[in-house]
Structures are given as structure tokens and as C-alpha cells.
Amino acid sequence: MKDLFARIPADGPFNPLTGIARRRMFRRAAAMSAMVAGVTGIAASAFVVLYYALAQPWEPGHDGPWEWLGPASDIVGSVSMAALIPVIVYLRRRVPADRLLGVLSVLGVLASCALALAGPLLVAGAITLETQFVVTGVGLPVVFGWLWRACRAAGPRDNVTPPSGNVAGVLPSRTARFGEWVAIAALAATGPAAIGLVLPAGSVGQSVVFGLAAVPGLPAYLAFPFWPLAAGHAWWRGDHPAETAQPATKVAPGAGRDVHVREHARRRVAPRARAR
């Protein structure tokens, strides 16, 4: 997994010709993938809402003309999660100095792969619906945890100097704040949802706890696909830090003091030279 991140040309020696072109190409690829993830995610959410509204799967023996919406949501949702993987890699390479983001990026890629595989496997009958629920219940909190840290690390911060190697403002401020709030709301719903799973099935307590979890969780789930769509649109337009900016280089200890001494000596010698 580290080799995957290391091969992406996001930093390194500055080259005004090949470096800028490679970064722009990588940014455009990430933008297209993010927009695909957003559009397919919105479509998958719409299929889920329509499936429960029209097919009414809770009815015993339900079988009607709208049953196709369930498998469609699984397949399209899997495409959305697969398209999210390049976005995770892109943000990781643009913010290489954040260790927590590095760990969550690896976990986010693994979770996205599992979520992308769960839909087709369910439609093919290779796994049960309960197995998909387990994969979703474990994978989505990981993805939302990555989203929170990515928006915190890649969004612009006033009066904050990014660590060496980081690029401030990879995400526009509005997109970063939107992603943070979506992630916080989704993670806030994870605790009550986990508690509800251990309560007796069909009990009043379980219904109440699931209802409390749905208050922040359902809006966050429905809003999440709009974040990669907004991020991809911003990257495609070029709403990002100047790609011609040279990455920060390490300065040897004492180099700054030596430059200051030489500048001070030059200013003292210059008036004498003019007087002669």
C-alpha cells in the first residue's frame, strides 16, 4: 500500500516542465474520479429512497415492478465507492506530512474496496444481506473518519502554517467545511447505531436508538456524495493552490543566520563604496 502512494507524482524535486504537467494530469484524473463518485453516489442514494418508497421491501412476499431498484442501488453504489479510491490516494499524496491521514487513507482504501465488492457479490448471491450490512457498518465509519481528517488536513486554515511537505488549501474552504460536518454527523450516528445492534431485535428500545441514530446519520449519508462532486468540480476548474509553487525544501541548521549576517555586512559596505 505504501508503494501505491509513493508512485504518485505529487511532490519531489521541482521541475517547471514535467513536474507541473504530471501534477496537472494527476489532479485532472482525481477530479474526474471524484465527480464519477459523486454522480453515482447520488444516483445510488436516489435508488435506495425509491426502492423503499415504491417496492416496500418490509412487506412479506413483496415482488413488484420496482424490485430492480434494490440491485441497481447496490451496483451503482459499488461504482461510487470504487471511484472514491483515487480521491483518497490523491489527497494523501497532496498532504504527505499528516501521519493520521496516512493511516486513515490506507484504511479508507481497504474499506472502499470492501464496499465496492459487497454490492456485486450480493447481487450475484455470493454473500447474504446480513454480510453486506456488516461490511457497510464497519466500512462506512472508516470512510467517514478518513473524510473528517482529509478535510481537516487539506482545507485552508487561517493563521496556521502547514507542516513541511503539506500543501495548504488543496480543498476549497467551503468544500472542506462541508466534508467535516458530513463526517462529524455520520460518526455521531455510529455510536447509537452500534448500541441498537446489541438490543433485542424489534424491541422498542432498539427502534428508539435507531431513530436517534438516523437523525444525524441519514442526512449525512444522503449528503456525502455531494462532497466528492464538489471537490472534483473545484479540482477540474483549477480552484486549488498554484501548481507552479515549489514544494518547501529543508534548510540546514544555521543557514538562516548565515544569510542574515551576510546581508548585514553587505548593507554596511555599500555606503562606503558609494562614498569612494
Foldseek 3Di string as FASTA:
>chain_A
DVVVLVPQLQADADDLPVSLVSNLVLLLLLLVLLQLLLVLLLVLVVLVVCCCVPQVVVDPPGDDPSPVSVLSSLQSNLSSLVSCLSNLSSLCQQAVVDVVLVVLSVLLNVLSNLSSVVSVCPVVVVDDPVVNVVSCLPSVLSNLVSLQVSLVQAEADPPDDHPARHFHHLDYNVLSVVSNLLSVLQNVLSVLQVVLVPDDPPDPVSVVSNVVSCVSNVVSSNCVSVSSSRSSVCSNVVVGPDSNDHGDDDDDPPPVVVVVVVVVVVVVVVVVVVVD
